[in-house]
PDB file of N, CA and C in Angstrom:
ATOM      1  N   MET A   1     115.211  -8.141  64.049  1.00  0.00           N
ATOM      2  CA  MET A   1     113.787  -7.959  64.103  1.00  0.00           C
ATOM      3  C   MET A   1     113.395  -7.654  65.539  1.00  0.00           C
ATOM      4  N   ARG A   2     112.463  -6.759  65.687  1.00  0.00           N
ATOM      5  CA  ARG A   2     111.955  -6.419  67.012  1.00  0.00           C
ATOM      6  C   ARG A   2     110.625  -7.123  67.245  1.00  0.00           C
ATOM      7  N   VAL A   3     110.477  -7.638  68.448  1.00  0.00           N
ATOM      8  CA  VAL A   3     109.249  -8.362  68.810  1.00  0.00           C
ATOM      9  C   VAL A   3     108.832  -7.945  70.217  1.00  0.00           C
ATOM     10  N   ILE A   4     107.556  -7.668  70.372  1.00  0.00           N
ATOM     11  CA  ILE A   4     106.973  -7.474  71.697  1.00  0.00           C
ATOM     12  C   ILE A   4     106.390  -8.815  72.098  1.00  0.00           C
ATOM     13  N   ALA A   5     106.763  -9.294  73.278  1.00  0.00           N
ATOM     14  CA  ALA A   5     106.257 -10.569  73.808  1.00  0.00           C
ATOM     15  C   ALA A   5     105.470 -10.268  75.081  1.00  0.00           C
ATOM     16  N   ILE A   6     104.190 -10.598  75.067  1.00  0.00           N
ATOM     17  CA  ILE A   6     103.317 -10.326  76.207  1.00  0.00           C
ATOM     18  C   ILE A   6     102.889 -11.654  76.807  1.00  0.00           C
ATOM     19  N   SER A   7     103.249 -11.851  78.083  1.00  0.00           N
ATOM     20  CA  SER A   7     102.952 -13.131  78.728  1.00  0.00           C
ATOM     21  C   SER A   7     101.567 -13.130  79.346  1.00  0.00           C
ATOM     22  N   LYS A   8     101.049 -14.336  79.511  1.00  0.00           N
ATOM     23  CA  LYS A   8      99.787 -14.529  80.222  1.00  0.00           C
ATOM     24  C   LYS A   8      99.829 -15.897  80.880  1.00  0.00           C
ATOM     25  N   LEU A   9      99.148 -15.996  81.988  1.00  0.00           N
ATOM     26  CA  LEU A   9      99.049 -17.254  82.716  1.00  0.00           C
ATOM     27  C   LEU A   9      98.247 -18.231  81.867  1.00  0.00           C
ATOM     28  N   LYS A  10      98.750 -19.435  81.693  1.00  0.00           N
ATOM     29  CA  LYS A  10      98.016 -20.441  80.929  1.00  0.00           C
ATOM     30  C   LYS A  10      96.793 -20.894  81.713  1.00  0.00           C
ATOM     31  N   SER A  11      95.784 -21.267  81.005  1.00  0.00           N
ATOM     32  CA  SER A  11      94.550 -21.735  81.625  1.00  0.00           C
ATOM     33  C   SER A  11      94.844 -22.896  82.571  1.00  0.00           C
ATOM     34  N   GLY A  12      94.391 -22.775  83.799  1.00  0.00           N
ATOM     35  CA  GLY A  12      94.585 -23.826  84.788  1.00  0.00           C
ATOM     36  C   GLY A  12      95.901 -23.756  85.543  1.00  0.00           C
ATOM     37  N   ALA A  13      96.795 -22.852  85.144  1.00  0.00           N
ATOM     38  CA  ALA A  13      98.087 -22.738  85.829  1.00  0.00           C
ATOM     39  C   ALA A  13      97.917 -21.945  87.128  1.00  0.00           C
ATOM     40  N   ALA A  14      98.687 -22.315  88.114  1.00  0.00           N
ATOM     41  CA  ALA A  14      98.599 -21.673  89.421  1.00  0.00           C
ATOM     42  C   ALA A  14      99.724 -20.660  89.609  1.00  0.00           C
ATOM     43  N   LYS A  15      99.387 -19.509  90.171  1.00  0.00           N
ATOM     44  CA  LYS A  15     100.401 -18.498  90.472  1.00  0.00           C
ATOM     45  C   LYS A  15     101.414 -19.028  91.481  1.00  0.00           C
ATOM     46  N   GLU A  16     101.006 -19.977  92.311  1.00  0.00           N
ATOM     47  CA  GLU A  16     101.910 -20.569  93.294  1.00  0.00           C
ATOM     48  C   GLU A  16     103.061 -21.305  92.599  1.00  0.00           C
ATOM     49  N   LYS A  17     102.754 -21.967  91.486  1.00  0.00           N
ATOM     50  CA  LYS A  17     103.796 -22.653  90.730  1.00  0.00           C
ATOM     51  C   LYS A  17     104.760 -21.629  90.134  1.00  0.00           C
ATOM     52  N   ALA A  18     104.214 -20.512  89.679  1.00  0.00           N
ATOM     53  CA  ALA A  18     105.056 -19.437  89.153  1.00  0.00           C
ATOM     54  C   ALA A  18     105.980 -18.913  90.241  1.00  0.00           C
ATOM     55  N   ALA A  19     105.446 -18.733  91.440  1.00  0.00           N
ATOM     56  CA  ALA A  19     106.254 -18.226  92.555  1.00  0.00           C
ATOM     57  C   ALA A  19     107.393 -19.182  92.882  1.00  0.00           C
ATOM     58  N   ALA A  20     107.127 -20.483  92.802  1.00  0.00           N
ATOM     59  CA  ALA A  20     108.148 -21.490  93.113  1.00  0.00           C
ATOM     60  C   ALA A  20     109.281 -21.470  92.085  1.00  0.00           C
ATOM     61  N   LEU A  21     108.983 -21.052  90.865  1.00  0.00           N
ATOM     62  CA  LEU A  21     109.985 -21.021  89.791  1.00  0.00           C
ATOM     63  C   LEU A  21     110.593 -19.638  89.599  1.00  0.00           C
ATOM     64  N   ASN A  22     110.197 -18.696  90.408  1.00  0.00           N
ATOM     65  CA  ASN A  22     110.569 -17.295  90.202  1.00  0.00           C
ATOM     66  C   ASN A  22     112.080 -17.074  90.104  1.00  0.00           C
ATOM     67  N   ALA A  23     112.861 -17.620  91.017  1.00  0.00           N
ATOM     68  CA  ALA A  23     114.312 -17.390  91.004  1.00  0.00           C
ATOM     69  C   ALA A  23     114.940 -17.917  89.708  1.00  0.00           C
ATOM     70  N   LYS A  24     114.561 -19.125  89.292  1.00  0.00           N
ATOM     71  CA  LYS A  24     115.098 -19.694  88.042  1.00  0.00           C
ATOM     72  C   LYS A  24     114.667 -18.855  86.844  1.00  0.00           C
ATOM     73  N   GLU A  25     113.421 -18.400  86.880  1.00  0.00           N
ATOM     74  CA  GLU A  25     112.890 -17.579  85.790  1.00  0.00           C
ATOM     75  C   GLU A  25     113.692 -16.286  85.655  1.00  0.00           C
ATOM     76  N   LEU A  26     113.896 -15.600  86.759  1.00  0.00           N
ATOM     77  CA  LEU A  26     114.605 -14.323  86.719  1.00  0.00           C
ATOM     78  C   LEU A  26     116.054 -14.482  86.276  1.00  0.00           C
ATOM     79  N   LEU A  27     116.688 -15.565  86.671  1.00  0.00           N
ATOM     80  CA  LEU A  27     118.063 -15.815  86.220  1.00  0.00           C
ATOM     81  C   LEU A  27     118.121 -16.009  84.703  1.00  0.00           C
ATOM     82  N   LYS A  28     117.170 -16.734  84.161  1.00  0.00           N
ATOM     83  CA  LYS A  28     117.144 -16.962  82.708  1.00  0.00           C
ATOM     84  C   LYS A  28     116.807 -15.667  81.965  1.00  0.00           C
ATOM     85  N   GLU A  29     115.870 -14.890  82.506  1.00  0.00           N
ATOM     86  CA  GLU A  29     115.542 -13.606  81.886  1.00  0.00           C
ATOM     87  C   GLU A  29     116.775 -12.697  81.872  1.00  0.00           C
ATOM     88  N   TRP A  30     117.513 -12.682  82.981  1.00  0.00           N
ATOM     89  CA  TRP A  30     118.723 -11.870  83.071  1.00  0.00           C
ATOM     90  C   TRP A  30     119.747 -12.324  82.033  1.00  0.00           C
ATOM     91  N   GLU A  31     119.868 -13.627  81.853  1.00  0.00           N
ATOM     92  CA  GLU A  31     120.777 -14.176  80.846  1.00  0.00           C
ATOM     93  C   GLU A  31     120.396 -13.671  79.453  1.00  0.00           C
ATOM     94  N   LEU A  32     119.102 -13.651  79.164  1.00  0.00           N
ATOM     95  CA  LEU A  32     118.633 -13.159  77.864  1.00  0.00           C
ATOM     96  C   LEU A  32     118.828 -11.647  77.737  1.00  0.00           C
ATOM     97  N   GLN A  33     118.748 -10.929  78.837  1.00  0.00           N
ATOM     98  CA  GLN A  33     119.032  -9.490  78.792  1.00  0.00           C
ATOM     99  C   GLN A  33     120.512  -9.241  78.531  1.00  0.00           C
ATOM    100  N   LYS A  34     121.373  -9.986  79.212  1.00  0.00           N
ATOM    101  CA  LYS A  34     122.814  -9.816  78.995  1.00  0.00           C
ATOM    102  C   LYS A  34     123.199 -10.150  77.553  1.00  0.00           C
ATOM    103  N   ALA A  35     122.474 -11.066  76.928  1.00  0.00           N
ATOM    104  CA  ALA A  35     122.732 -11.439  75.538  1.00  0.00           C
ATOM    105  C   ALA A  35     122.089 -10.453  74.554  1.00  0.00           C
ATOM    106  N   ASP A  36     121.437  -9.416  75.076  1.00  0.00           N
ATOM    107  CA  ASP A  36     120.767  -8.374  74.284  1.00  0.00           C
ATOM    108  C   ASP A  36     119.602  -8.914  73.468  1.00  0.00           C
ATOM    109  N   VAL A  37     119.007  -9.995  73.936  1.00  0.00           N
ATOM    110  CA  VAL A  37     117.800 -10.541  73.305  1.00  0.00           C
ATOM    111  C   VAL A  37     116.576  -9.821  73.872  1.00  0.00           C
ATOM    112  N   ILE A  38     116.508  -9.749  75.195  1.00  0.00           N
ATOM    113  CA  ILE A  38     115.462  -8.960  75.847  1.00  0.00           C
ATOM    114  C   ILE A  38     116.048  -7.577  76.077  1.00  0.00           C
ATOM    115  N   ARG A  39     115.450  -6.574  75.457  1.00  0.00           N
ATOM    116  CA  ARG A  39     115.960  -5.207  75.566  1.00  0.00           C
ATOM    117  C   ARG A  39     115.313  -4.445  76.714  1.00  0.00           C
ATOM    118  N   GLN A  40     114.030  -4.705  76.960  1.00  0.00           N
ATOM    119  CA  GLN A  40     113.299  -4.052  78.041  1.00  0.00           C
ATOM    120  C   GLN A  40     112.337  -5.062  78.643  1.00  0.00           C
ATOM    121  N   VAL A  41     112.050  -4.893  79.932  1.00  0.00           N
ATOM    122  CA  VAL A  41     111.080  -5.736  80.623  1.00  0.00           C
ATOM    123  C   VAL A  41     110.131  -4.828  81.394  1.00  0.00           C
ATOM    124  N   HIS A  42     108.861  -5.111  81.280  1.00  0.00           N
ATOM    125  CA  HIS A  42     107.841  -4.354  82.004  1.00  0.00           C
ATOM    126  C   HIS A  42     106.854  -5.338  82.623  1.00  0.00           C
ATOM    127  N   SER A  43     106.260  -4.937  83.732  1.00  0.00           N
ATOM    128  CA  SER A  43     105.201  -5.737  84.344  1.00  0.00           C
ATOM    129  C   SER A  43     103.859  -5.310  83.759  1.00  0.00           C
ATOM    130  N   ARG A  44     102.975  -6.271  83.584  1.00  0.00           N
ATOM    131  CA  ARG A  44     101.631  -5.937  83.150  1.00  0.00           C
ATOM    132  C   ARG A  44     100.883  -5.277  84.296  1.00  0.00           C
ATOM    133  N   ALA A  45     100.152  -4.245  84.015  1.00  0.00           N
ATOM    134  CA  ALA A  45      99.382  -3.546  85.045  1.00  0.00           C
ATOM    135  C   ALA A  45      97.979  -4.125  85.181  1.00  0.00           C
ATOM    136  N   ASP A  46      97.534  -4.851  84.176  1.00  0.00           N
ATOM    137  CA  ASP A  46      96.160  -5.344  84.173  1.00  0.00           C
ATOM    138  C   ASP A  46      96.004  -6.753  84.730  1.00  0.00           C
ATOM    139  N   GLN A  47      97.079  -7.520  84.766  1.00  0.00           N
ATOM    140  CA  GLN A  47      97.017  -8.899  85.250  1.00  0.00           C
ATOM    141  C   GLN A  47      98.428  -9.416  85.476  1.00  0.00           C
ATOM    142  N   PHE A  48      98.538 -10.641  85.979  1.00  0.00           N
ATOM    143  CA  PHE A  48      99.828 -11.290  86.183  1.00  0.00           C
ATOM    144  C   PHE A  48     100.525 -11.425  84.838  1.00  0.00           C
ATOM    145  N   GLY A  49     101.770 -11.037  84.775  1.00  0.00           N
ATOM    146  CA  GLY A  49     102.518 -11.229  83.545  1.00  0.00           C
ATOM    147  C   GLY A  49     103.515 -10.133  83.285  1.00  0.00           C
ATOM    148  N   SER A  50     104.224 -10.282  82.174  1.00  0.00           N
ATOM    149  CA  SER A  50     105.257  -9.323  81.807  1.00  0.00           C
ATOM    150  C   SER A  50     105.216  -9.044  80.311  1.00  0.00           C
ATOM    151  N   ILE A  51     105.927  -7.987  79.955  1.00  0.00           N
ATOM    152  CA  ILE A  51     106.054  -7.576  78.558  1.00  0.00           C
ATOM    153  C   ILE A  51     107.539  -7.430  78.272  1.00  0.00           C
ATOM    154  N   PHE A  52     107.998  -8.121  77.249  1.00  0.00           N
ATOM    155  CA  PHE A  52     109.398  -8.045  76.838  1.00  0.00           C
ATOM    156  C   PHE A  52     109.474  -7.351  75.479  1.00  0.00           C
ATOM    157  N   MET A  53     110.428  -6.447  75.369  1.00  0.00           N
ATOM    158  CA  MET A  53     110.788  -5.882  74.077  1.00  0.00           C
ATOM    159  C   MET A  53     112.034  -6.661  73.675  1.00  0.00           C
ATOM    160  N   MET A  54     111.945  -7.397  72.570  1.00  0.00           N
ATOM    161  CA  MET A  54     113.019  -8.311  72.180  1.00  0.00           C
ATOM    162  C   MET A  54     113.659  -7.902  70.858  1.00  0.00           C
ATOM    163  N   GLU A  55     114.910  -8.284  70.703  1.00  0.00           N
ATOM    164  CA  GLU A  55     115.637  -8.141  69.444  1.00  0.00           C
ATOM    165  C   GLU A  55     116.092  -9.533  69.047  1.00  0.00           C
ATOM    166  N   VAL A  56     115.514 -10.069  67.962  1.00  0.00           N
ATOM    167  CA  VAL A  56     115.760 -11.446  67.527  1.00  0.00           C
ATOM    168  C   VAL A  56     115.890 -11.493  66.005  1.00  0.00           C
ATOM    169  N   LYS A  57     116.283 -12.652  65.481  1.00  0.00           N
ATOM    170  CA  LYS A  57     116.413 -12.804  64.033  1.00  0.00           C
ATOM    171  C   LYS A  57     115.054 -12.960  63.355  1.00  0.00           C
ATOM    172  N   THR A  58     114.167 -13.754  63.986  1.00  0.00           N
ATOM    173  CA  THR A  58     112.845 -14.036  63.436  1.00  0.00           C
ATOM    174  C   THR A  58     111.853 -14.228  64.589  1.00  0.00           C
ATOM    175  N   VAL A  59     110.594 -14.295  64.259  1.00  0.00           N
ATOM    176  CA  VAL A  59     109.578 -14.604  65.273  1.00  0.00           C
ATOM    177  C   VAL A  59     109.817 -16.009  65.820  1.00  0.00           C
ATOM    178  N   GLU A  60     110.236 -16.922  64.965  1.00  0.00           N
ATOM    179  CA  GLU A  60     110.547 -18.282  65.422  1.00  0.00           C
ATOM    180  C   GLU A  60     111.705 -18.274  66.419  1.00  0.00           C
ATOM    181  N   ASP A  61     112.669 -17.417  66.192  1.00  0.00           N
ATOM    182  CA  ASP A  61     113.787 -17.272  67.121  1.00  0.00           C
ATOM    183  C   ASP A  61     113.273 -16.771  68.475  1.00  0.00           C
ATOM    184  N   ALA A  62     112.356 -15.809  68.458  1.00  0.00           N
ATOM    185  CA  ALA A  62     111.759 -15.311  69.705  1.00  0.00           C
ATOM    186  C   ALA A  62     111.048 -16.440  70.437  1.00  0.00           C
ATOM    187  N   LYS A  63     110.292 -17.254  69.704  1.00  0.00           N
ATOM    188  CA  LYS A  63     109.594 -18.387  70.329  1.00  0.00           C
ATOM    189  C   LYS A  63     110.581 -19.343  70.988  1.00  0.00           C
ATOM    190  N   ALA A  64     111.678 -19.618  70.307  1.00  0.00           N
ATOM    191  CA  ALA A  64     112.685 -20.535  70.851  1.00  0.00           C
ATOM    192  C   ALA A  64     113.334 -19.961  72.107  1.00  0.00           C
ATOM    193  N   LYS A  65     113.646 -18.682  72.077  1.00  0.00           N
ATOM    194  CA  LYS A  65     114.255 -18.052  73.261  1.00  0.00           C
ATOM    195  C   LYS A  65     113.282 -18.076  74.440  1.00  0.00           C
ATOM    196  N   LEU A  66     112.031 -17.771  74.190  1.00  0.00           N
ATOM    197  CA  LEU A  66     111.028 -17.764  75.253  1.00  0.00           C
ATOM    198  C   LEU A  66     110.758 -19.170  75.784  1.00  0.00           C
ATOM    199  N   ALA A  67     110.865 -20.172  74.926  1.00  0.00           N
ATOM    200  CA  ALA A  67     110.651 -21.560  75.353  1.00  0.00           C
ATOM    201  C   ALA A  67     111.692 -22.004  76.369  1.00  0.00           C
ATOM    202  N   SER A  68     112.834 -21.294  76.396  1.00  0.00           N
ATOM    203  CA  SER A  68     113.883 -21.646  77.355  1.00  0.00           C
ATOM    204  C   SER A  68     113.597 -21.117  78.762  1.00  0.00           C
ATOM    205  N   LEU A  69     112.597 -20.284  78.905  1.00  0.00           N
ATOM    206  CA  LEU A  69     112.240 -19.761  80.228  1.00  0.00           C
ATOM    207  C   LEU A  69     111.542 -20.842  81.056  1.00  0.00           C
ATOM    208  N   PRO A  70     111.905 -20.984  82.321  1.00  0.00           N
ATOM    209  CA  PRO A  70     111.296 -22.021  83.162  1.00  0.00           C
ATOM    210  C   PRO A  70     109.774 -21.963  83.235  1.00  0.00           C
ATOM    211  N   LEU A  71     109.192 -20.767  83.285  1.00  0.00           N
ATOM    212  CA  LEU A  71     107.733 -20.678  83.374  1.00  0.00           C
ATOM    213  C   LEU A  71     107.047 -21.162  82.102  1.00  0.00           C
ATOM    214  N   VAL A  72     107.706 -20.983  80.972  1.00  0.00           N
ATOM    215  CA  VAL A  72     107.166 -21.496  79.707  1.00  0.00           C
ATOM    216  C   VAL A  72     107.371 -23.007  79.648  1.00  0.00           C
ATOM    217  N   ALA A  73     108.575 -23.444  79.967  1.00  0.00           N
ATOM    218  CA  ALA A  73     108.903 -24.871  79.919  1.00  0.00           C
ATOM    219  C   ALA A  73     108.004 -25.703  80.840  1.00  0.00           C
ATOM    220  N   GLU A  74     107.619 -25.124  81.961  1.00  0.00           N
ATOM    221  CA  GLU A  74     106.773 -25.835  82.928  1.00  0.00           C
ATOM    222  C   GLU A  74     105.283 -25.623  82.672  1.00  0.00           C
ATOM    223  N   GLY A  75     104.933 -24.938  81.595  1.00  0.00           N
ATOM    224  CA  GLY A  75     103.535 -24.775  81.223  1.00  0.00           C
ATOM    225  C   GLY A  75     102.740 -23.800  82.078  1.00  0.00           C
ATOM    226  N   VAL A  76     103.430 -22.862  82.706  1.00  0.00           N
ATOM    227  CA  VAL A  76     102.746 -21.894  83.567  1.00  0.00           C
ATOM    228  C   VAL A  76     102.278 -20.676  82.768  1.00  0.00           C
ATOM    229  N   ILE A  77     103.127 -20.187  81.876  1.00  0.00           N
ATOM    230  CA  ILE A  77     102.771 -19.027  81.063  1.00  0.00           C
ATOM    231  C   ILE A  77     102.966 -19.328  79.585  1.00  0.00           C
ATOM    232  N   GLU A  78     102.392 -18.464  78.779  1.00  0.00           N
ATOM    233  CA  GLU A  78     102.608 -18.480  77.340  1.00  0.00           C
ATOM    234  C   GLU A  78     102.701 -17.025  76.884  1.00  0.00           C
ATOM    235  N   PHE A  79     103.195 -16.814  75.685  1.00  0.00           N
ATOM    236  CA  PHE A  79     103.394 -15.463  75.173  1.00  0.00           C
ATOM    237  C   PHE A  79     102.634 -15.249  73.880  1.00  0.00           C
ATOM    238  N   ASP A  80     102.091 -14.051  73.743  1.00  0.00           N
ATOM    239  CA  ASP A  80     101.606 -13.567  72.453  1.00  0.00           C
ATOM    240  C   ASP A  80     102.729 -12.716  71.899  1.00  0.00           C
ATOM    241  N   LEU A  81     103.074 -12.929  70.623  1.00  0.00           N
ATOM    242  CA  LEU A  81     104.197 -12.237  70.003  1.00  0.00           C
ATOM    243  C   LEU A  81     103.706 -11.282  68.921  1.00  0.00           C
ATOM    244  N   PHE A  82     104.308 -10.079  68.909  1.00  0.00           N
ATOM    245  CA  PHE A  82     103.933  -9.050  67.958  1.00  0.00           C
ATOM    246  C   PHE A  82     105.197  -8.441  67.359  1.00  0.00           C
ATOM    247  N   PRO A  83     105.550  -8.812  66.119  1.00  0.00           N
ATOM    248  CA  PRO A  83     106.695  -8.166  65.483  1.00  0.00           C
ATOM    249  C   PRO A  83     106.325  -6.713  65.166  1.00  0.00           C
ATOM    250  N   TYR A  84     107.311  -5.819  65.278  1.00  0.00           N
ATOM    251  CA  TYR A  84     107.029  -4.421  64.974  1.00  0.00           C
ATOM    252  C   TYR A  84     108.235  -3.773  64.319  1.00  0.00           C
ATOM    253  N   GLN A  85     108.005  -2.590  63.768  1.00  0.00           N
ATOM    254  CA  GLN A  85     109.054  -1.852  63.069  1.00  0.00           C
ATOM    255  C   GLN A  85     108.824  -0.359  63.270  1.00  0.00           C
ATOM    256  N   ALA A  86     109.697   0.451  62.731  1.00  0.00           N
ATOM    257  CA  ALA A  86     109.544   1.895  62.821  1.00  0.00           C
ATOM    258  C   ALA A  86     108.219   2.308  62.180  1.00  0.00           C
ATOM    259  N   TYR A  87     107.642   3.360  62.710  1.00  0.00           N
ATOM    260  CA  TYR A  87     106.348   3.853  62.250  1.00  0.00           C
ATOM    261  C   TYR A  87     106.458   4.337  60.814  1.00  0.00           C
ATOM    262  N   GLU A  88     105.653   3.776  59.914  1.00  0.00           N
ATOM    263  CA  GLU A  88     105.764   4.072  58.490  1.00  0.00           C
ATOM    264  C   GLU A  88     104.998   5.313  58.053  1.00  0.00           C
ATOM    265  N   ALA A  89     104.003   5.739  58.782  1.00  0.00           N
ATOM    266  CA  ALA A  89     103.133   6.832  58.342  1.00  0.00           C
ATOM    267  C   ALA A  89     103.882   8.149  58.146  1.00  0.00           C
ATOM    268  N   TYR A  90     104.945   8.376  58.928  1.00  0.00           N
ATOM    269  CA  TYR A  90     105.693   9.616  58.755  1.00  0.00           C
ATOM    270  C   TYR A  90     106.256   9.739  57.349  1.00  0.00           C
ATOM    271  N   GLY A  91     106.630   8.632  56.748  1.00  0.00           N
ATOM    272  CA  GLY A  91     107.196   8.630  55.407  1.00  0.00           C
ATOM    273  C   GLY A  91     106.245   9.207  54.364  1.00  0.00           C
ATOM    274  N   SER A  92     104.948   9.141  54.633  1.00  0.00           N
ATOM    275  CA  SER A  92     103.977   9.639  53.659  1.00  0.00           C
ATOM    276  C   SER A  92     103.995  11.158  53.552  1.00  0.00           C
ATOM    277  N   ILE A  93     104.534  11.852  54.549  1.00  0.00           N
ATOM    278  CA  ILE A  93     104.573  13.321  54.476  1.00  0.00           C
ATOM    279  C   ILE A  93     105.973  13.879  54.297  1.00  0.00           C
ATOM    280  N   PHE A  94     106.999  13.145  54.631  1.00  0.00           N
ATOM    281  CA  PHE A  94     108.337  13.695  54.585  1.00  0.00           C
ATOM    282  C   PHE A  94     108.744  14.129  53.177  1.00  0.00           C
ATOM    283  N   GLY A  95     108.333  13.431  52.158  1.00  0.00           N
ATOM    284  CA  GLY A  95     108.671  13.799  50.796  1.00  0.00           C
ATOM    285  C   GLY A  95     107.928  15.044  50.330  1.00  0.00           C
ATOM    286  N   LYS A  96     106.863  15.433  51.024  1.00  0.00           N
ATOM    287  CA  LYS A  96     106.045  16.590  50.617  1.00  0.00           C
ATOM    288  C   LYS A  96     106.474  17.874  51.297  1.00  0.00           C
ATOM    289  N   ILE A  97     107.377  17.776  52.283  1.00  0.00           N
ATOM    290  CA  ILE A  97     107.806  18.958  53.018  1.00  0.00           C
ATOM    291  C   ILE A  97     109.024  19.553  52.322  1.00  0.00           C
ATOM    292  N   ALA A  98     108.953  20.845  51.981  1.00  0.00           N
ATOM    293  CA  ALA A  98     110.076  21.479  51.284  1.00  0.00           C
ATOM    294  C   ALA A  98     111.079  22.044  52.236  1.00  0.00           C
TER     295      ALA A  98
END
């Protein structure tokens, strides 16, 4: 299953705390990339945070993997999760093309 995970700073969390955990966070993210759980990583352009393109078994699996990140474990960030799949609308016309 593919999941987009978009992080955001939790209410009341300080960016300074995030900075202090940065090295541990990046090491764990790298571990998840090497395990092919995180397929792509992007920075948010609108605010502090990141976007992960993930490959997991379930949305619950994505939550568990993200919970292992130091910034999540320390209550600095949280993620909104969006499962996605291949675009279905193309299928509505492919059968009509000769």
